[in-house]
Amino acid sequence: MKTSRLFSTSHEITLYHRIRAIHDLHPTNMMLLPF
């Protein structure tokens, strides 16, 4: 379970950074996504 949770957290962080990268490339997307 601990490994599963760690994987889940890592996945969430990856998604977060991916979304941030999209925002850095296209600032207008910030108005469309609640992040």
PDB file of N, CA and C in Angstrom:
ATOM      1  N   MET A   1       0.840  -1.210   0.000  1.00  0.00           N
ATOM      2  CA  MET A   1       0.000   0.000   0.000  1.00  0.00           C
ATOM      3  C   MET A   1       0.871   1.254   0.000  1.00  0.00           C
ATOM      4  N   LYS A   2       1.946   1.209   0.758  1.00  0.00           N
ATOM      5  CA  LYS A   2       2.824   2.371   0.819  1.00  0.00           C
ATOM      6  C   LYS A   2       3.401   2.679  -0.565  1.00  0.00           C
ATOM      7  N   THR A   3       3.818   1.627  -1.267  1.00  0.00           N
ATOM      8  CA  THR A   3       4.364   1.819  -2.615  1.00  0.00           C
ATOM      9  C   THR A   3       3.288   2.363  -3.543  1.00  0.00           C
ATOM     10  N   SER A   4       2.070   1.865  -3.409  1.00  0.00           N
ATOM     11  CA  SER A   4       0.971   2.310  -4.251  1.00  0.00           C
ATOM     12  C   SER A   4       0.706   3.795  -4.019  1.00  0.00           C
ATOM     13  N   ARG A   5       0.712   4.214  -2.765  1.00  0.00           N
ATOM     14  CA  ARG A   5       0.460   5.616  -2.440  1.00  0.00           C
ATOM     15  C   ARG A   5       1.596   6.485  -2.977  1.00  0.00           C
ATOM     16  N   LEU A   6       2.805   5.991  -2.867  1.00  0.00           N
ATOM     17  CA  LEU A   6       3.953   6.745  -3.352  1.00  0.00           C
ATOM     18  C   LEU A   6       3.846   6.937  -4.862  1.00  0.00           C
ATOM     19  N   PHE A   7       3.425   5.886  -5.555  1.00  0.00           N
ATOM     20  CA  PHE A   7       3.257   5.965  -7.010  1.00  0.00           C
ATOM     21  C   PHE A   7       2.168   6.979  -7.345  1.00  0.00           C
ATOM     22  N   SER A   8       1.086   6.951  -6.581  1.00  0.00           N
ATOM     23  CA  SER A   8      -0.021   7.867  -6.817  1.00  0.00           C
ATOM     24  C   SER A   8       0.439   9.315  -6.634  1.00  0.00           C
ATOM     25  N   THR A   9       1.209   9.566  -5.586  1.00  0.00           N
ATOM     26  CA  THR A   9       1.707  10.910  -5.334  1.00  0.00           C
ATOM     27  C   THR A   9       2.627  11.354  -6.459  1.00  0.00           C
ATOM     28  N   SER A  10       3.495  10.461  -6.893  1.00  0.00           N
ATOM     29  CA  SER A  10       4.425  10.782  -7.980  1.00  0.00           C
ATOM     30  C   SER A  10       3.647  11.113  -9.247  1.00  0.00           C
ATOM     31  N   HIS A  11       2.600  10.355  -9.493  1.00  0.00           N
ATOM     32  CA  HIS A  11       1.776  10.578 -10.686  1.00  0.00           C
ATOM     33  C   HIS A  11       1.089  11.939 -10.605  1.00  0.00           C
ATOM     34  N   GLU A  12       0.596  12.289  -9.433  1.00  0.00           N
ATOM     35  CA  GLU A  12      -0.075  13.581  -9.259  1.00  0.00           C
ATOM     36  C   GLU A  12       0.913  14.719  -9.484  1.00  0.00           C
ATOM     37  N   ILE A  13       2.135  14.554  -8.988  1.00  0.00           N
ATOM     38  CA  ILE A  13       3.155  15.585  -9.168  1.00  0.00           C
ATOM     39  C   ILE A  13       3.491  15.736 -10.648  1.00  0.00           C
ATOM     40  N   THR A  14       3.576  14.602 -11.353  1.00  0.00           N
ATOM     41  CA  THR A  14       3.881  14.644 -12.787  1.00  0.00           C
ATOM     42  C   THR A  14       2.784  15.395 -13.534  1.00  0.00           C
ATOM     43  N   LEU A  15       1.534  15.106 -13.192  1.00  0.00           N
ATOM     44  CA  LEU A  15       0.413  15.801 -13.843  1.00  0.00           C
ATOM     45  C   LEU A  15       0.470  17.290 -13.537  1.00  0.00           C
ATOM     46  N   TYR A  16       0.787  17.633 -12.282  1.00  0.00           N
ATOM     47  CA  TYR A  16       0.853  19.030 -11.881  1.00  0.00           C
ATOM     48  C   TYR A  16       1.914  19.780 -12.688  1.00  0.00           C
ATOM     49  N   HIS A  17       3.107  19.187 -12.795  1.00  0.00           N
ATOM     50  CA  HIS A  17       4.182  19.838 -13.544  1.00  0.00           C
ATOM     51  C   HIS A  17       3.837  19.943 -15.026  1.00  0.00           C
ATOM     52  N   ARG A  18       3.143  18.925 -15.544  1.00  0.00           N
ATOM     53  CA  ARG A  18       2.748  18.948 -16.960  1.00  0.00           C
ATOM     54  C   ARG A  18       1.785  20.103 -17.205  1.00  0.00           C
ATOM     55  N   ILE A  19       0.841  20.280 -16.284  1.00  0.00           N
ATOM     56  CA  ILE A  19      -0.136  21.372 -16.413  1.00  0.00           C
ATOM     57  C   ILE A  19       0.566  22.717 -16.293  1.00  0.00           C
ATOM     58  N   ARG A  20       1.510  22.807 -15.356  1.00  0.00           N
ATOM     59  CA  ARG A  20       2.256  24.057 -15.180  1.00  0.00           C
ATOM     60  C   ARG A  20       3.047  24.384 -16.444  1.00  0.00           C
ATOM     61  N   ALA A  21       3.627  23.355 -17.072  1.00  0.00           N
ATOM     62  CA  ALA A  21       4.399  23.569 -18.299  1.00  0.00           C
ATOM     63  C   ALA A  21       3.491  24.107 -19.398  1.00  0.00           C
ATOM     64  N   ILE A  22       2.280  23.572 -19.478  1.00  0.00           N
ATOM     65  CA  ILE A  22       1.321  24.038 -20.482  1.00  0.00           C
ATOM     66  C   ILE A  22       0.978  25.500 -20.215  1.00  0.00           C
ATOM     67  N   HIS A  23       0.818  25.851 -18.945  1.00  0.00           N
ATOM     68  CA  HIS A  23       0.495  27.234 -18.593  1.00  0.00           C
ATOM     69  C   HIS A  23       1.653  28.161 -18.929  1.00  0.00           C
ATOM     70  N   ASP A  24       2.885  27.674 -18.727  1.00  0.00           N
ATOM     71  CA  ASP A  24       4.051  28.504 -19.027  1.00  0.00           C
ATOM     72  C   ASP A  24       4.136  28.776 -20.533  1.00  0.00           C
ATOM     73  N   LEU A  25       3.734  27.778 -21.317  1.00  0.00           N
ATOM     74  CA  LEU A  25       3.788  27.933 -22.773  1.00  0.00           C
ATOM     75  C   LEU A  25       2.602  28.737 -23.293  1.00  0.00           C
ATOM     76  N   HIS A  26       1.438  28.533 -22.658  1.00  0.00           N
ATOM     77  CA  HIS A  26       0.217  29.216 -23.092  1.00  0.00           C
ATOM     78  C   HIS A  26      -0.493  29.837 -21.887  1.00  0.00           C
ATOM     79  N   PRO A  27      -0.077  31.033 -21.485  1.00  0.00           N
ATOM     80  CA  PRO A  27      -0.652  31.694 -20.299  1.00  0.00           C
ATOM     81  C   PRO A  27      -2.159  31.873 -20.377  1.00  0.00           C
ATOM     82  N   THR A  28      -2.710  31.946 -21.576  1.00  0.00           N
ATOM     83  CA  THR A  28      -4.153  32.153 -21.705  1.00  0.00           C
ATOM     84  C   THR A  28      -4.927  30.949 -21.192  1.00  0.00           C
ATOM     85  N   ASN A  29      -4.279  29.783 -21.137  1.00  0.00           N
ATOM     86  CA  ASN A  29      -4.970  28.591 -20.657  1.00  0.00           C
ATOM     87  C   ASN A  29      -5.294  28.712 -19.170  1.00  0.00           C
ATOM     88  N   MET A  30      -4.622  29.621 -18.460  1.00  0.00           N
ATOM     89  CA  MET A  30      -4.880  29.789 -17.031  1.00  0.00           C
ATOM     90  C   MET A  30      -6.319  30.220 -16.786  1.00  0.00           C
ATOM     91  N   MET A  31      -6.883  30.916 -17.755  1.00  0.00           N
ATOM     92  CA  MET A  31      -8.266  31.372 -17.594  1.00  0.00           C
ATOM     93  C   MET A  31      -9.251  30.233 -17.841  1.00  0.00           C
ATOM     94  N   LEU A  32      -8.783  29.188 -18.519  1.00  0.00           N
ATOM     95  CA  LEU A  32      -9.676  28.080 -18.854  1.00  0.00           C
ATOM     96  C   LEU A  32      -9.596  26.954 -17.825  1.00  0.00           C
ATOM     97  N   LEU A  33      -8.446  26.821 -17.169  1.00  0.00           N
ATOM     98  CA  LEU A  33      -8.276  25.732 -16.201  1.00  0.00           C
ATOM     99  C   LEU A  33      -8.127  26.278 -14.789  1.00  0.00           C
ATOM    100  N   PRO A  34      -8.801  25.664 -13.832  1.00  0.00           N
ATOM    101  CA  PRO A  34      -8.761  26.130 -12.440  1.00  0.00           C
ATOM    102  C   PRO A  34      -7.503  25.679 -11.703  1.00  0.00           C
ATOM    103  N   PHE A  35      -6.334  26.038 -12.202  1.00  0.00           N
ATOM    104  CA  PHE A  35      -5.094  25.661 -11.509  1.00  0.00           C
ATOM    105  C   PHE A  35      -4.257  26.902 -11.275  1.00  0.00           C
TER     106      PHE A  35
END
